């Protein structure tokens, strides 16, 4: 962190509420960017290092909120976020609250509605990195809320992550974006780890596989936009990638896994999905047809 005293009179004052690993990193980014930064945490001593770098420690939440036009919240759960903000009372009026707390889309919308009732402006944000990534120019942050609020504080919020963007007026949308990224990530990683276990059982180095199969893996990832288009249009009957052609390969993967004592739950689940779709009359549809399974109420 750098000495920012020469710049603090020209930059937006920011308050950070919550000094866990993420909140601490957020406050550090604002300080490093030359912004007067006020911090509050239930355990006051967590602010010691930030205060040594120039941050102001607020004694109460009300004092913290009153200190800055921009209030950034990063705590454990939206119920906690609301509980803490409630203690600020009427100090919230005319403040812009940027809530970076994890939770569901319904949680985010509930806090947004409540904050609006208090006279506060509101953005909900989903940070797509762990704490060490805060402040990096390539760090992605999804925001939801009024564009007037986002645009007013955009340059300040860019200090959190250089690839921040407002994706919707809906406060719940960033949470859904984050979950979609994570769901895709976990599904891909689990498939890769199952494949790695299969290869390792034969003594094949996984890195060697990646080198040899780079073109196939790249083609797989590049197919996502096409699949997305089919889902958005609800058109699953396409010229290529018929489900009936997937079925034998998935069956073979399950048999190979069992023969090598590799856990077959993941490919077995895929086999059940593909089999059901094929036997329900969708043999010539593309793999995107399976999204209808996940849409079930």
C-alpha atoms as a PDB file:
ATOM      1  CA  UNK A   1       0.000   0.000   0.000  1.00  0.00           C
ATOM      2  CA  UNK A   2       1.170   3.502  -0.748  1.00  0.00           C
ATOM      3  CA  UNK A   3       0.925   6.877   0.913  1.00  0.00           C
ATOM      4  CA  UNK A   4      -2.155   8.528  -0.580  1.00  0.00           C
ATOM      5  CA  UNK A   5      -2.413  11.607   1.590  1.00  0.00           C
ATOM      6  CA  UNK A   6      -1.622  13.944  -1.307  1.00  0.00           C
ATOM      7  CA  UNK A   7      -4.653  12.722  -3.253  1.00  0.00           C
ATOM      8  CA  UNK A   8      -7.341  12.139  -0.644  1.00  0.00           C
ATOM      9  CA  UNK A   9      -8.978  15.534  -1.126  1.00  0.00           C
ATOM     10  CA  UNK A  10      -9.895  14.833  -4.778  1.00  0.00           C
ATOM     11  CA  UNK A  11     -11.147  11.245  -4.677  1.00  0.00           C
ATOM     12  CA  UNK A  12     -14.415   9.704  -3.529  1.00  0.00           C
ATOM     13  CA  UNK A  13     -14.470   8.752   0.123  1.00  0.00           C
ATOM     14  CA  UNK A  14     -15.288   5.074   0.617  1.00  0.00           C
ATOM     15  CA  UNK A  15     -16.455   3.113   3.637  1.00  0.00           C
ATOM     16  CA  UNK A  16     -15.802  -0.627   3.847  1.00  0.00           C
ATOM     17  CA  UNK A  17     -17.912  -2.641   6.272  1.00  0.00           C
ATOM     18  CA  UNK A  18     -16.564  -6.092   7.087  1.00  0.00           C
ATOM     19  CA  UNK A  19     -12.857  -6.839   7.277  1.00  0.00           C
ATOM     20  CA  UNK A  20     -12.632 -10.528   6.615  1.00  0.00           C
ATOM     21  CA  UNK A  21     -10.109 -11.636   4.016  1.00  0.00           C
ATOM     22  CA  UNK A  22     -12.118 -10.119   1.158  1.00  0.00           C
ATOM     23  CA  UNK A  23     -13.165  -6.945   2.953  1.00  0.00           C
ATOM     24  CA  UNK A  24      -9.596  -6.299   4.038  1.00  0.00           C
ATOM     25  CA  UNK A  25      -8.432  -6.618   0.432  1.00  0.00           C
ATOM     26  CA  UNK A  26     -11.180  -4.271  -0.759  1.00  0.00           C
ATOM     27  CA  UNK A  27     -10.227  -1.595   1.762  1.00  0.00           C
ATOM     28  CA  UNK A  28      -6.581  -1.986   0.793  1.00  0.00           C
ATOM     29  CA  UNK A  29      -7.423  -1.460  -2.879  1.00  0.00           C
ATOM     30  CA  UNK A  30      -9.287   1.767  -2.168  1.00  0.00           C
ATOM     31  CA  UNK A  31      -6.456   3.039   0.001  1.00  0.00           C
ATOM     32  CA  UNK A  32      -3.880   2.175  -2.640  1.00  0.00           C
ATOM     33  CA  UNK A  33      -5.996   4.052  -5.168  1.00  0.00           C
ATOM     34  CA  UNK A  34      -5.817   7.231  -3.144  1.00  0.00           C
ATOM     35  CA  UNK A  35      -9.330   7.250  -1.691  1.00  0.00           C
ATOM     36  CA  UNK A  36     -10.120   8.342   1.864  1.00  0.00           C
ATOM     37  CA  UNK A  37     -11.183   5.041   3.378  1.00  0.00           C
ATOM     38  CA  UNK A  38     -13.207   4.453   6.526  1.00  0.00           C
ATOM     39  CA  UNK A  39     -13.492   0.923   7.881  1.00  0.00           C
ATOM     40  CA  UNK A  40     -15.676  -0.866  10.401  1.00  0.00           C
ATOM     41  CA  UNK A  41     -15.595  -4.415  11.707  1.00  0.00           C
ATOM     42  CA  UNK A  42     -17.211  -6.112  14.688  1.00  0.00           C
ATOM     43  CA  UNK A  43     -13.718  -7.026  15.886  1.00  0.00           C
ATOM     44  CA  UNK A  44     -12.053  -3.566  15.771  1.00  0.00           C
ATOM     45  CA  UNK A  45      -8.496  -4.896  15.904  1.00  0.00           C
ATOM     46  CA  UNK A  46      -8.882  -6.306  12.375  1.00  0.00           C
ATOM     47  CA  UNK A  47      -8.573  -2.731  11.157  1.00  0.00           C
ATOM     48  CA  UNK A  48      -5.185  -2.106  12.795  1.00  0.00           C
ATOM     49  CA  UNK A  49      -3.052  -2.737   9.696  1.00  0.00           C
ATOM     50  CA  UNK A  50      -5.352  -0.642   7.510  1.00  0.00           C
ATOM     51  CA  UNK A  51      -5.348   2.214  10.009  1.00  0.00           C
ATOM     52  CA  UNK A  52      -1.553   2.100   9.959  1.00  0.00           C
ATOM     53  CA  UNK A  53      -1.767   2.651   6.198  1.00  0.00           C
ATOM     54  CA  UNK A  54      -4.069   5.637   6.527  1.00  0.00           C
ATOM     55  CA  UNK A  55      -7.582   4.264   6.938  1.00  0.00           C
ATOM     56  CA  UNK A  56      -9.969   5.748   9.498  1.00  0.00           C
ATOM     57  CA  UNK A  57     -11.518   3.323  11.992  1.00  0.00           C
ATOM     58  CA  UNK A  58     -15.173   4.109  12.722  1.00  0.00           C
ATOM     59  CA  UNK A  59     -16.487   3.378  16.187  1.00  0.00           C
ATOM     60  CA  UNK A  60     -19.990   2.513  15.001  1.00  0.00           C
ATOM     61  CA  UNK A  61     -21.721   1.438  11.813  1.00  0.00           C
ATOM     62  CA  UNK A  62     -23.616   4.724  11.802  1.00  0.00           C
ATOM     63  CA  UNK A  63     -20.332   6.668  11.929  1.00  0.00           C
ATOM     64  CA  UNK A  64     -18.890   4.483   9.171  1.00  0.00           C
ATOM     65  CA  UNK A  65     -21.871   5.006   6.862  1.00  0.00           C
ATOM     66  CA  UNK A  66     -22.009   8.742   7.548  1.00  0.00           C
ATOM     67  CA  UNK A  67     -18.340   9.116   6.633  1.00  0.00           C
ATOM     68  CA  UNK A  68     -18.645   8.342   2.910  1.00  0.00           C
ATOM     69  CA  UNK A  69     -21.051   8.636  -0.018  1.00  0.00           C
ATOM     70  CA  UNK A  70     -20.038   5.119  -1.106  1.00  0.00           C
ATOM     71  CA  UNK A  71     -20.501   2.238   1.352  1.00  0.00           C
ATOM     72  CA  UNK A  72     -19.081  -1.162   0.402  1.00  0.00           C
ATOM     73  CA  UNK A  73     -20.260  -4.197   2.350  1.00  0.00           C
ATOM     74  CA  UNK A  74     -18.531  -7.581   2.459  1.00  0.00           C
ATOM     75  CA  UNK A  75     -19.735  -9.843   5.260  1.00  0.00           C
ATOM     76  CA  UNK A  76     -20.907 -13.425   5.761  1.00  0.00           C
ATOM     77  CA  UNK A  77     -24.390 -13.576   4.300  1.00  0.00           C
ATOM     78  CA  UNK A  78     -27.016 -11.044   3.321  1.00  0.00           C
ATOM     79  CA  UNK A  79     -28.952 -11.469   6.556  1.00  0.00           C
ATOM     80  CA  UNK A  80     -25.838 -10.246   8.378  1.00  0.00           C
ATOM     81  CA  UNK A  81     -25.374  -7.438   5.842  1.00  0.00           C
ATOM     82  CA  UNK A  82     -28.892  -6.169   6.454  1.00  0.00           C
ATOM     83  CA  UNK A  83     -28.579  -6.524  10.229  1.00  0.00           C
ATOM     84  CA  UNK A  84     -25.411  -4.436  10.221  1.00  0.00           C
ATOM     85  CA  UNK A  85     -26.798  -1.792   7.879  1.00  0.00           C
ATOM     86  CA  UNK A  86     -29.973  -1.484   9.943  1.00  0.00           C
ATOM     87  CA  UNK A  87     -27.860  -0.205  12.815  1.00  0.00           C
ATOM     88  CA  UNK A  88     -26.884   2.799  10.673  1.00  0.00           C
ATOM     89  CA  UNK A  89     -30.433   4.144  10.914  1.00  0.00           C
ATOM     90  CA  UNK A  90     -31.205   7.226   8.844  1.00  0.00           C
ATOM     91  CA  UNK A  91     -27.511   7.673   7.993  1.00  0.00           C
ATOM     92  CA  UNK A  92     -28.158   5.345   5.046  1.00  0.00           C
ATOM     93  CA  UNK A  93     -30.317   7.928   3.293  1.00  0.00           C
ATOM     94  CA  UNK A  94     -28.642   9.322   0.164  1.00  0.00           C
ATOM     95  CA  UNK A  95     -25.770   6.858   0.464  1.00  0.00           C
ATOM     96  CA  UNK A  96     -24.822   4.426  -2.301  1.00  0.00           C
ATOM     97  CA  UNK A  97     -24.487   0.894  -0.945  1.00  0.00           C
ATOM     98  CA  UNK A  98     -22.483  -1.651  -2.912  1.00  0.00           C
ATOM     99  CA  UNK A  99     -23.158  -5.044  -1.388  1.00  0.00           C
ATOM    100  CA  UNK A 100     -20.516  -7.620  -2.318  1.00  0.00           C
ATOM    101  CA  UNK A 101     -21.867 -10.280   0.021  1.00  0.00           C
ATOM    102  CA  UNK A 102     -22.488 -13.821  -1.250  1.00  0.00           C
ATOM    103  CA  UNK A 103     -25.937 -15.402  -1.202  1.00  0.00           C
ATOM    104  CA  UNK A 104     -28.849 -16.205  -3.485  1.00  0.00           C
ATOM    105  CA  UNK A 105     -30.464 -13.909  -6.019  1.00  0.00           C
ATOM    106  CA  UNK A 106     -33.519 -13.620  -3.754  1.00  0.00           C
ATOM    107  CA  UNK A 107     -31.252 -12.557  -0.873  1.00  0.00           C
ATOM    108  CA  UNK A 108     -29.709  -9.819  -3.013  1.00  0.00           C
ATOM    109  CA  UNK A 109     -33.101  -8.527  -4.170  1.00  0.00           C
ATOM    110  CA  UNK A 110     -34.411  -8.464  -0.609  1.00  0.00           C
ATOM    111  CA  UNK A 111     -31.505  -6.311   0.587  1.00  0.00           C
ATOM    112  CA  UNK A 112     -31.891  -4.079  -2.475  1.00  0.00           C
ATOM    113  CA  UNK A 113     -35.590  -3.510  -1.756  1.00  0.00           C
ATOM    114  CA  UNK A 114     -34.926  -2.827   1.916  1.00  0.00           C
ATOM    115  CA  UNK A 115     -32.063  -0.424   1.153  1.00  0.00           C
ATOM    116  CA  UNK A 116     -34.290   1.455  -1.278  1.00  0.00           C
ATOM    117  CA  UNK A 117     -36.908   1.841   1.436  1.00  0.00           C
ATOM    118  CA  UNK A 118     -34.245   3.486   3.600  1.00  0.00           C
ATOM    119  CA  UNK A 119     -33.509   6.060   0.908  1.00  0.00           C
ATOM    120  CA  UNK A 120     -30.226   4.460  -0.145  1.00  0.00           C
ATOM    121  CA  UNK A 121     -29.076   3.732  -3.679  1.00  0.00           C
ATOM    122  CA  UNK A 122     -27.970   0.171  -4.222  1.00  0.00           C
ATOM    123  CA  UNK A 123     -25.737  -2.023  -6.327  1.00  0.00           C
ATOM    124  CA  UNK A 124     -25.179  -5.696  -5.782  1.00  0.00           C
ATOM    125  CA  UNK A 125     -21.852  -7.122  -6.910  1.00  0.00           C
ATOM    126  CA  UNK A 126     -20.462 -10.593  -7.461  1.00  0.00           C
ATOM    127  CA  UNK A 127     -16.675 -10.787  -7.291  1.00  0.00           C
ATOM    128  CA  UNK A 128     -15.202 -13.514  -9.491  1.00  0.00           C
ATOM    129  CA  UNK A 129     -11.908 -13.954  -7.687  1.00  0.00           C
ATOM    130  CA  UNK A 130     -10.460 -14.761  -4.302  1.00  0.00           C
ATOM    131  CA  UNK A 131      -9.039 -11.997  -2.116  1.00  0.00           C
ATOM    132  CA  UNK A 132      -5.503 -11.942  -3.624  1.00  0.00           C
ATOM    133  CA  UNK A 133      -7.073 -11.099  -6.999  1.00  0.00           C
ATOM    134  CA  UNK A 134      -8.661  -7.871  -5.771  1.00  0.00           C
ATOM    135  CA  UNK A 135      -7.249  -4.887  -7.631  1.00  0.00           C
ATOM    136  CA  UNK A 136      -6.048  -6.877 -10.638  1.00  0.00           C
ATOM    137  CA  UNK A 137      -6.918  -5.341 -14.030  1.00  0.00           C
ATOM    138  CA  UNK A 138      -8.290  -8.680 -15.265  1.00  0.00           C
ATOM    139  CA  UNK A 139     -10.497  -9.362 -12.244  1.00  0.00           C
ATOM    140  CA  UNK A 140     -14.184  -9.634 -13.148  1.00  0.00           C
ATOM    141  CA  UNK A 141     -16.943  -8.177 -10.995  1.00  0.00           C
ATOM    142  CA  UNK A 142     -20.588  -8.372 -12.083  1.00  0.00           C
ATOM    143  CA  UNK A 143     -22.862  -5.565 -10.867  1.00  0.00           C
ATOM    144  CA  UNK A 144     -26.635  -5.212 -10.813  1.00  0.00           C
ATOM    145  CA  UNK A 145     -28.552  -2.010 -10.133  1.00  0.00           C
ATOM    146  CA  UNK A 146     -29.169   1.448 -11.553  1.00  0.00           C
ATOM    147  CA  UNK A 147     -26.765   2.530 -14.276  1.00  0.00           C
ATOM    148  CA  UNK A 148     -26.738   6.064 -12.846  1.00  0.00           C
ATOM    149  CA  UNK A 149     -25.255   4.737  -9.603  1.00  0.00           C
ATOM    150  CA  UNK A 150     -22.781   2.466 -11.337  1.00  0.00           C
ATOM    151  CA  UNK A 151     -21.575   5.191 -13.703  1.00  0.00           C
ATOM    152  CA  UNK A 152     -21.132   7.685 -10.870  1.00  0.00           C
ATOM    153  CA  UNK A 153     -18.792   5.371  -8.966  1.00  0.00           C
ATOM    154  CA  UNK A 154     -17.400   3.359 -11.858  1.00  0.00           C
ATOM    155  CA  UNK A 155     -13.850   4.676 -11.648  1.00  0.00           C
ATOM    156  CA  UNK A 156     -13.735   3.932  -7.919  1.00  0.00           C
ATOM    157  CA  UNK A 157     -15.153   0.425  -8.340  1.00  0.00           C
ATOM    158  CA  UNK A 158     -12.586  -0.283 -11.044  1.00  0.00           C
ATOM    159  CA  UNK A 159     -10.041  -0.416  -8.218  1.00  0.00           C
ATOM    160  CA  UNK A 160     -11.671  -3.666  -7.076  1.00  0.00           C
ATOM    161  CA  UNK A 161     -11.355  -5.313 -10.465  1.00  0.00           C
ATOM    162  CA  UNK A 162     -10.483  -3.844 -13.830  1.00  0.00           C
ATOM    163  CA  UNK A 163     -13.117  -5.874 -15.652  1.00  0.00           C
ATOM    164  CA  UNK A 164     -16.128  -4.830 -13.653  1.00  0.00           C
ATOM    165  CA  UNK A 165     -19.360  -4.359 -15.582  1.00  0.00           C
ATOM    166  CA  UNK A 166     -23.011  -3.521 -15.000  1.00  0.00           C
ATOM    167  CA  UNK A 167     -24.983  -6.453 -16.412  1.00  0.00           C
ATOM    168  CA  UNK A 168     -28.566  -5.607 -15.418  1.00  0.00           C
ATOM    169  CA  UNK A 169     -30.803  -3.338 -13.396  1.00  0.00           C
ATOM    170  CA  UNK A 170     -31.797  -6.435 -11.402  1.00  0.00           C
ATOM    171  CA  UNK A 171     -29.809  -6.756  -8.159  1.00  0.00           C
ATOM    172  CA  UNK A 172     -30.155 -10.542  -8.310  1.00  0.00           C
ATOM    173  CA  UNK A 173     -28.586 -10.969 -11.754  1.00  0.00           C
ATOM    174  CA  UNK A 174     -24.913 -10.784 -10.638  1.00  0.00           C
ATOM    175  CA  UNK A 175     -25.479 -13.652  -8.218  1.00  0.00           C
ATOM    176  CA  UNK A 176     -26.931 -15.787 -11.020  1.00  0.00           C
ATOM    177  CA  UNK A 177     -23.990 -14.904 -13.276  1.00  0.00           C
ATOM    178  CA  UNK A 178     -21.582 -15.952 -10.554  1.00  0.00           C
ATOM    179  CA  UNK A 179     -23.388 -19.220  -9.955  1.00  0.00           C
ATOM    180  CA  UNK A 180     -23.459 -19.928 -13.689  1.00  0.00           C
ATOM    181  CA  UNK A 181     -19.699 -19.424 -13.915  1.00  0.00           C
ATOM    182  CA  UNK A 182     -19.091 -21.623 -10.888  1.00  0.00           C
ATOM    183  CA  UNK A 183     -21.488 -24.318 -12.074  1.00  0.00           C
ATOM    184  CA  UNK A 184     -19.725 -24.463 -15.428  1.00  0.00           C
ATOM    185  CA  UNK A 185     -16.360 -24.505 -13.684  1.00  0.00           C
ATOM    186  CA  UNK A 186     -17.228 -27.328 -11.285  1.00  0.00           C
ATOM    187  CA  UNK A 187     -18.826 -29.427 -13.992  1.00  0.00           C
ATOM    188  CA  UNK A 188     -15.781 -29.008 -16.228  1.00  0.00           C
ATOM    189  CA  UNK A 189     -13.314 -29.650 -13.412  1.00  0.00           C
ATOM    190  CA  UNK A 190     -15.148 -32.763 -12.206  1.00  0.00           C
ATOM    191  CA  UNK A 191     -15.220 -34.160 -15.731  1.00  0.00           C
ATOM    192  CA  UNK A 192     -11.512 -33.436 -16.144  1.00  0.00           C
ATOM    193  CA  UNK A 193     -10.626 -35.014 -12.799  1.00  0.00           C
ATOM    194  CA  UNK A 194     -12.589 -38.156 -13.670  1.00  0.00           C
ATOM    195  CA  UNK A 195     -10.745 -38.280 -16.993  1.00  0.00           C
ATOM    196  CA  UNK A 196      -7.439 -37.776 -15.176  1.00  0.00           C
ATOM    197  CA  UNK A 197      -8.165 -40.689 -12.842  1.00  0.00           C
ATOM    198  CA  UNK A 198      -8.921 -42.867 -15.872  1.00  0.00           C
ATOM    199  CA  UNK A 199      -5.690 -41.884 -17.615  1.00  0.00           C
ATOM    200  CA  UNK A 200      -3.597 -42.255 -14.472  1.00  0.00           C
ATOM    201  CA  UNK A 201      -4.901 -45.790 -13.960  1.00  0.00           C
ATOM    202  CA  UNK A 202      -3.136 -46.676 -17.224  1.00  0.00           C
ATOM    203  CA  UNK A 203       0.008 -44.752 -16.298  1.00  0.00           C
ATOM    204  CA  UNK A 204      -0.664 -42.018 -18.862  1.00  0.00           C
ATOM    205  CA  UNK A 205       0.509 -38.572 -17.797  1.00  0.00           C
ATOM    206  CA  UNK A 206      -2.346 -36.081 -17.734  1.00  0.00           C
ATOM    207  CA  UNK A 207      -0.130 -33.297 -19.097  1.00  0.00           C
ATOM    208  CA  UNK A 208       0.771 -35.518 -22.054  1.00  0.00           C
ATOM    209  CA  UNK A 209      -2.932 -36.037 -22.714  1.00  0.00           C
ATOM    210  CA  UNK A 210      -3.537 -32.279 -22.693  1.00  0.00           C
ATOM    211  CA  UNK A 211      -0.706 -31.739 -25.147  1.00  0.00           C
ATOM    212  CA  UNK A 212      -1.935 -34.449 -27.507  1.00  0.00           C
ATOM    213  CA  UNK A 213      -5.643 -33.627 -27.236  1.00  0.00           C
ATOM    214  CA  UNK A 214      -5.347 -29.812 -27.208  1.00  0.00           C
ATOM    215  CA  UNK A 215      -7.296 -29.390 -30.448  1.00  0.00           C
ATOM    216  CA  UNK A 216     -10.182 -31.548 -29.222  1.00  0.00           C
ATOM    217  CA  UNK A 217     -10.373 -29.789 -25.853  1.00  0.00           C
ATOM    218  CA  UNK A 218     -10.267 -26.389 -27.551  1.00  0.00           C
ATOM    219  CA  UNK A 219     -13.065 -27.407 -29.935  1.00  0.00           C
ATOM    220  CA  UNK A 220     -15.171 -28.512 -26.969  1.00  0.00           C
ATOM    221  CA  UNK A 221     -14.867 -25.150 -25.232  1.00  0.00           C
ATOM    222  CA  UNK A 222     -15.485 -23.246 -28.459  1.00  0.00           C
ATOM    223  CA  UNK A 223     -18.803 -25.085 -28.898  1.00  0.00           C
ATOM    224  CA  UNK A 224     -20.408 -23.327 -25.917  1.00  0.00           C
ATOM    225  CA  UNK A 225     -21.680 -20.286 -27.888  1.00  0.00           C
ATOM    226  CA  UNK A 226     -23.421 -22.609 -30.352  1.00  0.00           C
ATOM    227  CA  UNK A 227     -25.048 -24.548 -27.509  1.00  0.00           C
ATOM    228  CA  UNK A 228     -26.096 -21.284 -25.862  1.00  0.00           C
ATOM    229  CA  UNK A 229     -27.800 -20.185 -29.067  1.00  0.00           C
ATOM    230  CA  UNK A 230     -29.759 -23.438 -29.302  1.00  0.00           C
ATOM    231  CA  UNK A 231     -30.918 -23.092 -25.701  1.00  0.00           C
ATOM    232  CA  UNK A 232     -31.950 -19.448 -26.131  1.00  0.00           C
ATOM    233  CA  UNK A 233     -33.944 -20.336 -29.260  1.00  0.00           C
ATOM    234  CA  UNK A 234     -35.313 -23.573 -27.827  1.00  0.00           C
ATOM    235  CA  UNK A 235     -34.171 -25.339 -31.002  1.00  0.00           C
ATOM    236  CA  UNK A 236     -32.484 -28.643 -30.238  1.00  0.00           C
ATOM    237  CA  UNK A 237     -32.901 -30.522 -33.515  1.00  0.00           C
ATOM    238  CA  UNK A 238     -29.643 -29.685 -35.283  1.00  0.00           C
ATOM    239  CA  UNK A 239     -27.603 -31.205 -38.074  1.00  0.00           C
ATOM    240  CA  UNK A 240     -24.713 -32.267 -35.859  1.00  0.00           C
ATOM    241  CA  UNK A 241     -24.204 -33.799 -32.432  1.00  0.00           C
ATOM    242  CA  UNK A 242     -27.254 -36.044 -32.252  1.00  0.00           C
ATOM    243  CA  UNK A 243     -27.774 -37.544 -28.805  1.00  0.00           C
ATOM    244  CA  UNK A 244     -27.985 -41.052 -30.227  1.00  0.00           C
ATOM    245  CA  UNK A 245     -24.320 -40.753 -31.219  1.00  0.00           C
ATOM    246  CA  UNK A 246     -23.335 -39.808 -27.659  1.00  0.00           C
ATOM    247  CA  UNK A 247     -25.015 -42.834 -26.123  1.00  0.00           C
ATOM    248  CA  UNK A 248     -22.509 -45.588 -27.097  1.00  0.00           C
ATOM    249  CA  UNK A 249     -19.556 -43.434 -26.013  1.00  0.00           C
ATOM    250  CA  UNK A 250     -21.059 -42.711 -22.617  1.00  0.00           C
ATOM    251  CA  UNK A 251     -21.861 -46.402 -22.154  1.00  0.00           C
ATOM    252  CA  UNK A 252     -18.252 -47.262 -22.953  1.00  0.00           C
ATOM    253  CA  UNK A 253     -16.981 -44.670 -20.466  1.00  0.00           C
ATOM    254  CA  UNK A 254     -19.114 -46.168 -17.708  1.00  0.00           C
ATOM    255  CA  UNK A 255     -17.919 -49.703 -18.498  1.00  0.00           C
ATOM    256  CA  UNK A 256     -14.265 -48.608 -18.655  1.00  0.00           C
ATOM    257  CA  UNK A 257     -14.579 -46.767 -15.348  1.00  0.00           C
ATOM    258  CA  UNK A 258     -16.063 -49.784 -13.606  1.00  0.00           C
ATOM    259  CA  UNK A 259     -13.425 -52.112 -15.067  1.00  0.00           C
ATOM    260  CA  UNK A 260     -10.675 -49.886 -13.654  1.00  0.00           C
ATOM    261  CA  UNK A 261     -12.391 -49.330 -10.290  1.00  0.00           C
ATOM    262  CA  UNK A 262     -12.778 -45.629 -11.119  1.00  0.00           C
ATOM    263  CA  UNK A 263     -15.824 -43.975  -9.592  1.00  0.00           C
ATOM    264  CA  UNK A 264     -18.558 -44.121 -12.243  1.00  0.00           C
ATOM    265  CA  UNK A 265     -21.150 -41.870 -10.604  1.00  0.00           C
ATOM    266  CA  UNK A 266     -20.431 -38.869 -12.864  1.00  0.00           C
ATOM    267  CA  UNK A 267     -20.497 -40.693 -16.216  1.00  0.00           C
ATOM    268  CA  UNK A 268     -23.355 -42.836 -14.897  1.00  0.00           C
ATOM    269  CA  UNK A 269     -25.410 -39.706 -14.309  1.00  0.00           C
ATOM    270  CA  UNK A 270     -24.654 -38.548 -17.852  1.00  0.00           C
ATOM    271  CA  UNK A 271     -25.644 -41.949 -19.199  1.00  0.00           C
ATOM    272  CA  UNK A 272     -28.991 -41.744 -17.414  1.00  0.00           C
ATOM    273  CA  UNK A 273     -29.687 -38.290 -18.872  1.00  0.00           C
ATOM    274  CA  UNK A 274     -28.761 -39.231 -22.431  1.00  0.00           C
ATOM    275  CA  UNK A 275     -30.618 -42.558 -22.287  1.00  0.00           C
ATOM    276  CA  UNK A 276     -33.803 -40.945 -21.028  1.00  0.00           C
ATOM    277  CA  UNK A 277     -33.738 -38.273 -23.754  1.00  0.00           C
ATOM    278  CA  UNK A 278     -33.053 -40.802 -26.525  1.00  0.00           C
ATOM    279  CA  UNK A 279     -35.807 -43.139 -25.360  1.00  0.00           C
ATOM    280  CA  UNK A 280     -38.205 -40.180 -25.075  1.00  0.00           C
ATOM    281  CA  UNK A 281     -37.967 -39.494 -28.803  1.00  0.00           C
ATOM    282  CA  UNK A 282     -35.085 -37.002 -28.875  1.00  0.00           C
ATOM    283  CA  UNK A 283     -32.424 -39.234 -30.415  1.00  0.00           C
ATOM    284  CA  UNK A 284     -31.721 -36.753 -33.207  1.00  0.00           C
ATOM    285  CA  UNK A 285     -31.583 -33.659 -30.997  1.00  0.00           C
ATOM    286  CA  UNK A 286     -28.322 -32.082 -29.985  1.00  0.00           C
ATOM    287  CA  UNK A 287     -26.827 -32.357 -26.501  1.00  0.00           C
ATOM    288  CA  UNK A 288     -28.403 -29.010 -25.635  1.00  0.00           C
ATOM    289  CA  UNK A 289     -31.749 -30.859 -25.376  1.00  0.00           C
ATOM    290  CA  UNK A 290     -30.688 -32.012 -21.909  1.00  0.00           C
ATOM    291  CA  UNK A 291     -31.166 -28.503 -20.548  1.00  0.00           C
ATOM    292  CA  UNK A 292     -34.866 -29.351 -20.350  1.00  0.00           C
ATOM    293  CA  UNK A 293     -34.034 -31.945 -17.707  1.00  0.00           C
ATOM    294  CA  UNK A 294     -32.436 -29.284 -15.530  1.00  0.00           C
ATOM    295  CA  UNK A 295     -35.334 -26.871 -16.077  1.00  0.00           C
ATOM    296  CA  UNK A 296     -37.753 -29.251 -14.379  1.00  0.00           C
ATOM    297  CA  UNK A 297     -39.718 -27.629 -11.577  1.00  0.00           C
END
